[in-house]
Amino acid sequence: MEGAEAGFRKELVSRLLHLHFRDDKTKVSGDALQLVAELLRIFVVEAAVRGARQAQAEDVALVDVDQLEKVLPQLVRGVEGGGSGPEGGWPVTDCLSTPQLLDF
């Protein structure tokens, strides 16, 4: 299915959110679920692209847990430093605009 974007089902997102709510009666609107699903999708794409760049920098053909572990701190703290490469992070727009990096 080339060109089709995968995403997270609303049921899964709802279940993930409810795992962290203090009140079991908390409700989440459909729009909020859709927004969180989109944020999760972007996060996963960003992780994949950064992992691919890390693999390229290490001259390995496949992204594995090692590369993802190296880029995870960048993802959870956000893009800081504005530098180029693993230490300084990559601008989000740069990573998302070059998905061909996933092709080895």
PDB file of N, CA and C in Angstrom:
ATOM      1  N   MET A   1       0.831  -1.184   0.000  1.00  0.00           N
ATOM      2  CA  MET A   1       0.000   0.000   0.000  1.00  0.00           C
ATOM      3  C   MET A   1       0.876   1.248   0.000  1.00  0.00           C
ATOM      4  N   GLU A   2       1.529   1.491  -1.104  1.00  0.00           N
ATOM      5  CA  GLU A   2       2.396   2.646  -1.210  1.00  0.00           C
ATOM      6  C   GLU A   2       1.573   3.918  -1.149  1.00  0.00           C
ATOM      7  N   GLY A   3       2.063   4.907  -0.410  1.00  0.00           N
ATOM      8  CA  GLY A   3       1.368   6.180  -0.289  1.00  0.00           C
ATOM      9  C   GLY A   3       0.366   6.211   0.850  1.00  0.00           C
ATOM     10  N   ALA A   4      -0.048   5.061   1.349  1.00  0.00           N
ATOM     11  CA  ALA A   4      -0.998   5.026   2.457  1.00  0.00           C
ATOM     12  C   ALA A   4      -0.235   5.191   3.764  1.00  0.00           C
ATOM     13  N   GLU A   5      -0.789   6.025   4.643  1.00  0.00           N
ATOM     14  CA  GLU A   5      -0.139   6.260   5.924  1.00  0.00           C
ATOM     15  C   GLU A   5      -0.766   5.381   6.988  1.00  0.00           C
ATOM     16  N   ALA A   6       0.090   4.710   7.715  1.00  0.00           N
ATOM     17  CA  ALA A   6      -0.386   3.909   8.838  1.00  0.00           C
ATOM     18  C   ALA A   6      -0.566   4.832  10.032  1.00  0.00           C
ATOM     19  N   GLY A   7      -1.391   4.411  10.946  1.00  0.00           N
ATOM     20  CA  GLY A   7      -1.609   5.215  12.130  1.00  0.00           C
ATOM     21  C   GLY A   7      -2.022   4.340  13.291  1.00  0.00           C
ATOM     22  N   PHE A   8      -2.306   4.989  14.393  1.00  0.00           N
ATOM     23  CA  PHE A   8      -2.746   4.290  15.591  1.00  0.00           C
ATOM     24  C   PHE A   8      -4.261   4.321  15.662  1.00  0.00           C
ATOM     25  N   ARG A   9      -4.862   3.188  15.978  1.00  0.00           N
ATOM     26  CA  ARG A   9      -6.318   3.121  16.122  1.00  0.00           C
ATOM     27  C   ARG A   9      -6.744   3.921  17.351  1.00  0.00           C
ATOM     28  N   LYS A  10      -7.914   4.547  17.244  1.00  0.00           N
ATOM     29  CA  LYS A  10      -8.426   5.343  18.356  1.00  0.00           C
ATOM     30  C   LYS A  10      -8.595   4.507  19.618  1.00  0.00           C
ATOM     31  N   GLU A  11      -8.985   3.247  19.461  1.00  0.00           N
ATOM     32  CA  GLU A  11      -9.177   2.382  20.623  1.00  0.00           C
ATOM     33  C   GLU A  11      -7.868   2.182  21.383  1.00  0.00           C
ATOM     34  N   LEU A  12      -6.774   1.999  20.648  1.00  0.00           N
ATOM     35  CA  LEU A  12      -5.474   1.821  21.273  1.00  0.00           C
ATOM     36  C   LEU A  12      -5.039   3.096  21.989  1.00  0.00           C
ATOM     37  N   VAL A  13      -5.201   4.232  21.322  1.00  0.00           N
ATOM     38  CA  VAL A  13      -4.820   5.504  21.917  1.00  0.00           C
ATOM     39  C   VAL A  13      -5.627   5.757  23.186  1.00  0.00           C
ATOM     40  N   SER A  14      -6.911   5.480  23.125  1.00  0.00           N
ATOM     41  CA  SER A  14      -7.768   5.665  24.293  1.00  0.00           C
ATOM     42  C   SER A  14      -7.302   4.792  25.454  1.00  0.00           C
ATOM     43  N   ARG A  15      -6.976   3.568  25.143  1.00  0.00           N
ATOM     44  CA  ARG A  15      -6.535   2.646  26.191  1.00  0.00           C
ATOM     45  C   ARG A  15      -5.210   3.113  26.800  1.00  0.00           C
ATOM     46  N   LEU A  16      -4.290   3.566  25.962  1.00  0.00           N
ATOM     47  CA  LEU A  16      -3.011   4.077  26.460  1.00  0.00           C
ATOM     48  C   LEU A  16      -3.212   5.289  27.364  1.00  0.00           C
ATOM     49  N   LEU A  17      -4.077   6.195  26.945  1.00  0.00           N
ATOM     50  CA  LEU A  17      -4.339   7.386  27.762  1.00  0.00           C
ATOM     51  C   LEU A  17      -4.969   7.009  29.090  1.00  0.00           C
ATOM     52  N   HIS A  18      -5.934   6.130  29.048  1.00  0.00           N
ATOM     53  CA  HIS A  18      -6.645   5.766  30.270  1.00  0.00           C
ATOM     54  C   HIS A  18      -5.761   5.020  31.277  1.00  0.00           C
ATOM     55  N   LEU A  19      -4.680   4.423  30.808  1.00  0.00           N
ATOM     56  CA  LEU A  19      -3.747   3.785  31.726  1.00  0.00           C
ATOM     57  C   LEU A  19      -3.109   4.792  32.677  1.00  0.00           C
ATOM     58  N   HIS A  20      -3.072   6.061  32.258  1.00  0.00           N
ATOM     59  CA  HIS A  20      -2.390   7.084  33.043  1.00  0.00           C
ATOM     60  C   HIS A  20      -3.334   8.092  33.697  1.00  0.00           C
ATOM     61  N   PHE A  21      -4.616   7.946  33.507  1.00  0.00           N
ATOM     62  CA  PHE A  21      -5.576   8.835  34.161  1.00  0.00           C
ATOM     63  C   PHE A  21      -5.765   8.409  35.607  1.00  0.00           C
ATOM     64  N   ARG A  22      -5.883   9.377  36.485  1.00  0.00           N
ATOM     65  CA  ARG A  22      -6.125   9.071  37.905  1.00  0.00           C
ATOM     66  C   ARG A  22      -7.584   8.710  38.150  1.00  0.00           C
ATOM     67  N   ASP A  23      -8.471   9.340  37.383  1.00  0.00           N
ATOM     68  CA  ASP A  23      -9.906   9.115  37.554  1.00  0.00           C
ATOM     69  C   ASP A  23     -10.400   8.211  36.424  1.00  0.00           C
ATOM     70  N   ASP A  24     -10.955   7.060  36.771  1.00  0.00           N
ATOM     71  CA  ASP A  24     -11.450   6.117  35.767  1.00  0.00           C
ATOM     72  C   ASP A  24     -12.604   6.672  34.953  1.00  0.00           C
ATOM     73  N   LYS A  25     -13.242   7.726  35.433  1.00  0.00           N
ATOM     74  CA  LYS A  25     -14.392   8.303  34.740  1.00  0.00           C
ATOM     75  C   LYS A  25     -13.978   9.352  33.695  1.00  0.00           C
ATOM     76  N   THR A  26     -12.685   9.617  33.568  1.00  0.00           N
ATOM     77  CA  THR A  26     -12.212  10.608  32.609  1.00  0.00           C
ATOM     78  C   THR A  26     -12.551  10.162  31.197  1.00  0.00           C
ATOM     79  N   LYS A  27     -13.086  11.077  30.416  1.00  0.00           N
ATOM     80  CA  LYS A  27     -13.440  10.790  29.031  1.00  0.00           C
ATOM     81  C   LYS A  27     -12.558  11.619  28.096  1.00  0.00           C
ATOM     82  N   VAL A  28     -12.343  11.103  26.912  1.00  0.00           N
ATOM     83  CA  VAL A  28     -11.531  11.785  25.909  1.00  0.00           C
ATOM     84  C   VAL A  28     -12.362  11.893  24.648  1.00  0.00           C
ATOM     85  N   SER A  29     -12.428  13.098  24.089  1.00  0.00           N
ATOM     86  CA  SER A  29     -13.225  13.296  22.879  1.00  0.00           C
ATOM     87  C   SER A  29     -12.554  12.632  21.676  1.00  0.00           C
ATOM     88  N   GLY A  30     -13.332  12.406  20.654  1.00  0.00           N
ATOM     89  CA  GLY A  30     -12.808  11.819  19.425  1.00  0.00           C
ATOM     90  C   GLY A  30     -11.740  12.681  18.787  1.00  0.00           C
ATOM     91  N   ASP A  31     -11.928  14.013  18.838  1.00  0.00           N
ATOM     92  CA  ASP A  31     -10.919  14.917  18.284  1.00  0.00           C
ATOM     93  C   ASP A  31      -9.600  14.814  19.046  1.00  0.00           C
ATOM     94  N   ALA A  32      -9.688  14.709  20.384  1.00  0.00           N
ATOM     95  CA  ALA A  32      -8.480  14.574  21.195  1.00  0.00           C
ATOM     96  C   ALA A  32      -7.769  13.264  20.883  1.00  0.00           C
ATOM     97  N   LEU A  33      -8.522  12.194  20.715  1.00  0.00           N
ATOM     98  CA  LEU A  33      -7.921  10.910  20.363  1.00  0.00           C
ATOM     99  C   LEU A  33      -7.223  10.983  19.012  1.00  0.00           C
ATOM    100  N   GLN A  34      -7.855  11.651  18.077  1.00  0.00           N
ATOM    101  CA  GLN A  34      -7.269  11.800  16.745  1.00  0.00           C
ATOM    102  C   GLN A  34      -5.974  12.614  16.824  1.00  0.00           C
ATOM    103  N   LEU A  35      -5.965  13.657  17.637  1.00  0.00           N
ATOM    104  CA  LEU A  35      -4.776  14.488  17.796  1.00  0.00           C
ATOM    105  C   LEU A  35      -3.633  13.690  18.426  1.00  0.00           C
ATOM    106  N   VAL A  36      -3.917  12.958  19.489  1.00  0.00           N
ATOM    107  CA  VAL A  36      -2.880  12.162  20.145  1.00  0.00           C
ATOM    108  C   VAL A  36      -2.379  11.070  19.203  1.00  0.00           C
ATOM    109  N   ALA A  37      -3.263  10.472  18.432  1.00  0.00           N
ATOM    110  CA  ALA A  37      -2.845   9.455  17.460  1.00  0.00           C
ATOM    111  C   ALA A  37      -1.896  10.059  16.431  1.00  0.00           C
ATOM    112  N   GLU A  38      -2.178  11.266  15.985  1.00  0.00           N
ATOM    113  CA  GLU A  38      -1.299  11.938  15.023  1.00  0.00           C
ATOM    114  C   GLU A  38       0.052  12.263  15.666  1.00  0.00           C
ATOM    115  N   LEU A  39       0.057  12.706  16.910  1.00  0.00           N
ATOM    116  CA  LEU A  39       1.313  12.980  17.607  1.00  0.00           C
ATOM    117  C   LEU A  39       2.152  11.711  17.756  1.00  0.00           C
ATOM    118  N   LEU A  40       1.499  10.607  18.079  1.00  0.00           N
ATOM    119  CA  LEU A  40       2.208   9.327  18.178  1.00  0.00           C
ATOM    120  C   LEU A  40       2.788   8.914  16.830  1.00  0.00           C
ATOM    121  N   ARG A  41       2.015   9.116  15.765  1.00  0.00           N
ATOM    122  CA  ARG A  41       2.492   8.765  14.420  1.00  0.00           C
ATOM    123  C   ARG A  41       3.734   9.591  14.066  1.00  0.00           C
ATOM    124  N   ILE A  42       3.686  10.883  14.350  1.00  0.00           N
ATOM    125  CA  ILE A  42       4.824  11.755  14.056  1.00  0.00           C
ATOM    126  C   ILE A  42       6.040  11.331  14.877  1.00  0.00           C
ATOM    127  N   PHE A  43       5.818  10.999  16.145  1.00  0.00           N
ATOM    128  CA  PHE A  43       6.911  10.562  17.004  1.00  0.00           C
ATOM    129  C   PHE A  43       7.575   9.306  16.447  1.00  0.00           C
ATOM    130  N   VAL A  44       6.779   8.358  15.992  1.00  0.00           N
ATOM    131  CA  VAL A  44       7.312   7.103  15.465  1.00  0.00           C
ATOM    132  C   VAL A  44       8.075   7.351  14.154  1.00  0.00           C
ATOM    133  N   VAL A  45       7.530   8.189  13.292  1.00  0.00           N
ATOM    134  CA  VAL A  45       8.221   8.516  12.034  1.00  0.00           C
ATOM    135  C   VAL A  45       9.548   9.209  12.342  1.00  0.00           C
ATOM    136  N   GLU A  46       9.517  10.148  13.271  1.00  0.00           N
ATOM    137  CA  GLU A  46      10.733  10.859  13.659  1.00  0.00           C
ATOM    138  C   GLU A  46      11.775   9.885  14.209  1.00  0.00           C
ATOM    139  N   ALA A  47      11.358   8.955  15.050  1.00  0.00           N
ATOM    140  CA  ALA A  47      12.281   7.958  15.595  1.00  0.00           C
ATOM    141  C   ALA A  47      12.873   7.104  14.480  1.00  0.00           C
ATOM    142  N   ALA A  48      12.051   6.721  13.523  1.00  0.00           N
ATOM    143  CA  ALA A  48      12.530   5.901  12.407  1.00  0.00           C
ATOM    144  C   ALA A  48      13.554   6.650  11.568  1.00  0.00           C
ATOM    145  N   VAL A  49      13.279   7.909  11.277  1.00  0.00           N
ATOM    146  CA  VAL A  49      14.203   8.692  10.452  1.00  0.00           C
ATOM    147  C   VAL A  49      15.508   8.934  11.197  1.00  0.00           C
ATOM    148  N   ARG A  50      15.410   9.303  12.466  1.00  0.00           N
ATOM    149  CA  ARG A  50      16.635   9.535  13.237  1.00  0.00           C
ATOM    150  C   ARG A  50      17.419   8.233  13.416  1.00  0.00           C
ATOM    151  N   GLY A  51      16.728   7.141  13.608  1.00  0.00           N
ATOM    152  CA  GLY A  51      17.408   5.854  13.707  1.00  0.00           C
ATOM    153  C   GLY A  51      18.115   5.506  12.409  1.00  0.00           C
ATOM    154  N   ALA A  52      17.490   5.797  11.290  1.00  0.00           N
ATOM    155  CA  ALA A  52      18.110   5.539   9.985  1.00  0.00           C
ATOM    156  C   ALA A  52      19.353   6.400   9.795  1.00  0.00           C
ATOM    157  N   ARG A  53      19.264   7.651  10.194  1.00  0.00           N
ATOM    158  CA  ARG A  53      20.446   8.526  10.080  1.00  0.00           C
ATOM    159  C   ARG A  53      21.568   8.046  10.993  1.00  0.00           C
ATOM    160  N   GLN A  54      21.210   7.595  12.173  1.00  0.00           N
ATOM    161  CA  GLN A  54      22.222   7.067  13.091  1.00  0.00           C
ATOM    162  C   GLN A  54      22.874   5.828  12.483  1.00  0.00           C
ATOM    163  N   ALA A  55      22.078   4.962  11.879  1.00  0.00           N
ATOM    164  CA  ALA A  55      22.618   3.764  11.235  1.00  0.00           C
ATOM    165  C   ALA A  55      23.549   4.145  10.087  1.00  0.00           C
ATOM    166  N   GLN A  56      23.163   5.155   9.313  1.00  0.00           N
ATOM    167  CA  GLN A  56      24.032   5.614   8.234  1.00  0.00           C
ATOM    168  C   GLN A  56      25.353   6.141   8.785  1.00  0.00           C
ATOM    169  N   ALA A  57      25.283   6.900   9.876  1.00  0.00           N
ATOM    170  CA  ALA A  57      26.492   7.451  10.481  1.00  0.00           C
ATOM    171  C   ALA A  57      27.411   6.337  10.982  1.00  0.00           C
ATOM    172  N   GLU A  58      26.829   5.237  11.406  1.00  0.00           N
ATOM    173  CA  GLU A  58      27.600   4.088  11.889  1.00  0.00           C
ATOM    174  C   GLU A  58      27.942   3.124  10.765  1.00  0.00           C
ATOM    175  N   ASP A  59      27.488   3.430   9.562  1.00  0.00           N
ATOM    176  CA  ASP A  59      27.740   2.600   8.384  1.00  0.00           C
ATOM    177  C   ASP A  59      27.221   1.175   8.557  1.00  0.00           C
ATOM    178  N   VAL A  60      25.985   1.080   9.070  1.00  0.00           N
ATOM    179  CA  VAL A  60      25.317  -0.218   9.153  1.00  0.00           C
ATOM    180  C   VAL A  60      24.082  -0.180   8.261  1.00  0.00           C
ATOM    181  N   ALA A  61      23.695  -1.350   7.759  1.00  0.00           N
ATOM    182  CA  ALA A  61      22.630  -1.414   6.766  1.00  0.00           C
ATOM    183  C   ALA A  61      21.226  -1.422   7.368  1.00  0.00           C
ATOM    184  N   LEU A  62      21.095  -1.872   8.622  1.00  0.00           N
ATOM    185  CA  LEU A  62      19.778  -1.987   9.229  1.00  0.00           C
ATOM    186  C   LEU A  62      19.719  -1.217  10.540  1.00  0.00           C
ATOM    187  N   VAL A  63      18.585  -0.593  10.781  1.00  0.00           N
ATOM    188  CA  VAL A  63      18.351   0.078  12.056  1.00  0.00           C
ATOM    189  C   VAL A  63      17.908  -0.976  13.058  1.00  0.00           C
ATOM    190  N   ASP A  64      18.556  -1.002  14.208  1.00  0.00           N
ATOM    191  CA  ASP A  64      18.128  -1.909  15.266  1.00  0.00           C
ATOM    192  C   ASP A  64      18.002  -1.134  16.572  1.00  0.00           C
ATOM    193  N   VAL A  65      17.827  -1.849  17.650  1.00  0.00           N
ATOM    194  CA  VAL A  65      17.600  -1.225  18.948  1.00  0.00           C
ATOM    195  C   VAL A  65      18.756  -0.303  19.333  1.00  0.00           C
ATOM    196  N   ASP A  66      19.980  -0.655  18.951  1.00  0.00           N
ATOM    197  CA  ASP A  66      21.131   0.168  19.314  1.00  0.00           C
ATOM    198  C   ASP A  66      21.006   1.593  18.786  1.00  0.00           C
ATOM    199  N   GLN A  67      20.620   1.742  17.517  1.00  0.00           N
ATOM    200  CA  GLN A  67      20.474   3.076  16.950  1.00  0.00           C
ATOM    201  C   GLN A  67      19.308   3.827  17.590  1.00  0.00           C
ATOM    202  N   LEU A  68      18.212   3.126  17.816  1.00  0.00           N
ATOM    203  CA  LEU A  68      17.060   3.785  18.436  1.00  0.00           C
ATOM    204  C   LEU A  68      17.372   4.231  19.859  1.00  0.00           C
ATOM    205  N   GLU A  69      18.128   3.433  20.595  1.00  0.00           N
ATOM    206  CA  GLU A  69      18.522   3.826  21.946  1.00  0.00           C
ATOM    207  C   GLU A  69      19.394   5.070  21.935  1.00  0.00           C
ATOM    208  N   LYS A  70      20.195   5.235  20.912  1.00  0.00           N
ATOM    209  CA  LYS A  70      21.066   6.408  20.821  1.00  0.00           C
ATOM    210  C   LYS A  70      20.301   7.682  20.496  1.00  0.00           C
ATOM    211  N   VAL A  71      19.199   7.574  19.741  1.00  0.00           N
ATOM    212  CA  VAL A  71      18.449   8.783  19.373  1.00  0.00           C
ATOM    213  C   VAL A  71      17.288   9.060  20.316  1.00  0.00           C
ATOM    214  N   LEU A  72      16.939   8.117  21.154  1.00  0.00           N
ATOM    215  CA  LEU A  72      15.808   8.304  22.057  1.00  0.00           C
ATOM    216  C   LEU A  72      15.936   9.539  22.942  1.00  0.00           C
ATOM    217  N   PRO A  73      17.092   9.825  23.529  1.00  0.00           N
ATOM    218  CA  PRO A  73      17.180  11.036  24.362  1.00  0.00           C
ATOM    219  C   PRO A  73      16.836  12.317  23.596  1.00  0.00           C
ATOM    220  N   GLN A  74      17.184  12.377  22.313  1.00  0.00           N
ATOM    221  CA  GLN A  74      16.841  13.542  21.495  1.00  0.00           C
ATOM    222  C   GLN A  74      15.331  13.676  21.361  1.00  0.00           C
ATOM    223  N   LEU A  75      14.655  12.556  21.223  1.00  0.00           N
ATOM    224  CA  LEU A  75      13.212  12.573  21.006  1.00  0.00           C
ATOM    225  C   LEU A  75      12.438  12.949  22.262  1.00  0.00           C
ATOM    226  N   VAL A  76      12.886  12.489  23.401  1.00  0.00           N
ATOM    227  CA  VAL A  76      12.123  12.754  24.615  1.00  0.00           C
ATOM    228  C   VAL A  76      12.403  14.125  25.188  1.00  0.00           C
ATOM    229  N   ARG A  77      13.543  14.709  24.888  1.00  0.00           N
ATOM    230  CA  ARG A  77      13.805  16.059  25.388  1.00  0.00           C
ATOM    231  C   ARG A  77      13.473  17.117  24.347  1.00  0.00           C
ATOM    232  N   GLY A  78      13.273  16.702  23.108  1.00  0.00           N
ATOM    233  CA  GLY A  78      12.991  17.652  22.045  1.00  0.00           C
ATOM    234  C   GLY A  78      14.260  18.014  21.311  1.00  0.00           C
ATOM    235  N   VAL A  79      14.105  18.774  20.253  1.00  0.00           N
ATOM    236  CA  VAL A  79      15.254  19.185  19.447  1.00  0.00           C
ATOM    237  C   VAL A  79      15.895  20.380  20.130  1.00  0.00           C
ATOM    238  N   GLU A  80      17.139  20.224  20.533  1.00  0.00           N
ATOM    239  CA  GLU A  80      17.880  21.298  21.188  1.00  0.00           C
ATOM    240  C   GLU A  80      19.183  21.521  20.452  1.00  0.00           C
ATOM    241  N   GLY A  81      19.695  22.691  20.558  1.00  0.00           N
ATOM    242  CA  GLY A  81      21.011  22.979  20.008  1.00  0.00           C
ATOM    243  C   GLY A  81      20.994  23.359  18.542  1.00  0.00           C
ATOM    244  N   GLY A  82      20.025  22.886  17.780  1.00  0.00           N
ATOM    245  CA  GLY A  82      19.925  23.249  16.371  1.00  0.00           C
ATOM    246  C   GLY A  82      21.084  22.758  15.531  1.00  0.00           C
ATOM    247  N   GLY A  83      21.935  21.912  16.103  1.00  0.00           N
ATOM    248  CA  GLY A  83      23.079  21.418  15.361  1.00  0.00           C
ATOM    249  C   GLY A  83      22.668  20.365  14.360  1.00  0.00           C
ATOM    250  N   SER A  84      23.657  19.818  13.698  1.00  0.00           N
ATOM    251  CA  SER A  84      23.393  18.765  12.736  1.00  0.00           C
ATOM    252  C   SER A  84      24.104  17.512  13.196  1.00  0.00           C
ATOM    253  N   GLY A  85      23.404  16.418  13.285  1.00  0.00           N
ATOM    254  CA  GLY A  85      23.998  15.171  13.687  1.00  0.00           C
ATOM    255  C   GLY A  85      23.467  14.704  15.019  1.00  0.00           C
ATOM    256  N   PRO A  86      23.903  13.543  15.461  1.00  0.00           N
ATOM    257  CA  PRO A  86      23.363  12.930  16.665  1.00  0.00           C
ATOM    258  C   PRO A  86      23.519  13.784  17.922  1.00  0.00           C
ATOM    259  N   GLU A  87      24.631  14.511  18.059  1.00  0.00           N
ATOM    260  CA  GLU A  87      24.827  15.294  19.274  1.00  0.00           C
ATOM    261  C   GLU A  87      23.921  16.513  19.329  1.00  0.00           C
ATOM    262  N   GLY A  88      23.763  17.207  18.230  1.00  0.00           N
ATOM    263  CA  GLY A  88      22.987  18.447  18.229  1.00  0.00           C
ATOM    264  C   GLY A  88      21.536  18.262  17.854  1.00  0.00           C
ATOM    265  N   GLY A  89      21.186  17.104  17.343  1.00  0.00           N
ATOM    266  CA  GLY A  89      19.813  16.872  16.915  1.00  0.00           C
ATOM    267  C   GLY A  89      19.579  17.400  15.512  1.00  0.00           C
ATOM    268  N   TRP A  90      18.485  16.984  14.922  1.00  0.00           N
ATOM    269  CA  TRP A  90      18.096  17.456  13.604  1.00  0.00           C
ATOM    270  C   TRP A  90      16.797  18.195  13.735  1.00  0.00           C
ATOM    271  N   PRO A  91      16.626  19.262  12.958  1.00  0.00           N
ATOM    272  CA  PRO A  91      15.324  19.931  12.979  1.00  0.00           C
ATOM    273  C   PRO A  91      14.231  18.958  12.550  1.00  0.00           C
ATOM    274  N   VAL A  92      13.098  19.009  13.219  1.00  0.00           N
ATOM    275  CA  VAL A  92      11.999  18.084  12.931  1.00  0.00           C
ATOM    276  C   VAL A  92      11.593  18.181  11.472  1.00  0.00           C
ATOM    277  N   THR A  93      11.491  19.391  10.932  1.00  0.00           N
ATOM    278  CA  THR A  93      11.052  19.551   9.545  1.00  0.00           C
ATOM    279  C   THR A  93      12.036  18.902   8.584  1.00  0.00           C
ATOM    280  N   ASP A  94      13.328  18.943   8.908  1.00  0.00           N
ATOM    281  CA  ASP A  94      14.330  18.321   8.054  1.00  0.00           C
ATOM    282  C   ASP A  94      14.141  16.812   8.019  1.00  0.00           C
ATOM    283  N   CYS A  95      13.926  16.200   9.183  1.00  0.00           N
ATOM    284  CA  CYS A  95      13.767  14.749   9.243  1.00  0.00           C
ATOM    285  C   CYS A  95      12.504  14.290   8.545  1.00  0.00           C
ATOM    286  N   LEU A  96      11.415  14.998   8.769  1.00  0.00           N
ATOM    287  CA  LEU A  96      10.150  14.572   8.193  1.00  0.00           C
ATOM    288  C   LEU A  96      10.064  14.861   6.705  1.00  0.00           C
ATOM    289  N   SER A  97      10.889  15.764   6.214  1.00  0.00           N
ATOM    290  CA  SER A  97      10.802  16.095   4.795  1.00  0.00           C
ATOM    291  C   SER A  97      11.702  15.207   3.942  1.00  0.00           C
ATOM    292  N   THR A  98      12.462  14.291   4.568  1.00  0.00           N
ATOM    293  CA  THR A  98      13.367  13.450   3.797  1.00  0.00           C
ATOM    294  C   THR A  98      13.165  11.973   4.117  1.00  0.00           C
ATOM    295  N   PRO A  99      11.966  11.434   3.866  1.00  0.00           N
ATOM    296  CA  PRO A  99      11.727  10.035   4.204  1.00  0.00           C
ATOM    297  C   PRO A  99      12.519   9.050   3.366  1.00  0.00           C
ATOM    298  N   GLN A 100      13.139   9.488   2.267  1.00  0.00           N
ATOM    299  CA  GLN A 100      13.918   8.567   1.454  1.00  0.00           C
ATOM    300  C   GLN A 100      15.115   8.035   2.211  1.00  0.00           C
ATOM    301  N   LEU A 101      15.475   8.637   3.333  1.00  0.00           N
ATOM    302  CA  LEU A 101      16.581   8.139   4.121  1.00  0.00           C
ATOM    303  C   LEU A 101      16.302   6.758   4.701  1.00  0.00           C
ATOM    304  N   LEU A 102      15.043   6.365   4.724  1.00  0.00           N
ATOM    305  CA  LEU A 102      14.694   5.060   5.245  1.00  0.00           C
ATOM    306  C   LEU A 102      15.021   3.948   4.263  1.00  0.00           C
ATOM    307  N   ASP A 103      15.302   4.289   3.020  1.00  0.00           N
ATOM    308  CA  ASP A 103      15.640   3.299   2.003  1.00  0.00           C
ATOM    309  C   ASP A 103      17.147   3.072   1.985  1.00  0.00           C
ATOM    310  N   PHE A 104      17.550   1.844   2.279  1.00  0.00           N
ATOM    311  CA  PHE A 104      18.966   1.517   2.236  1.00  0.00           C
ATOM    312  C   PHE A 104      19.284   0.716   1.016  1.00  0.00           C
TER     313      PHE A 104
END
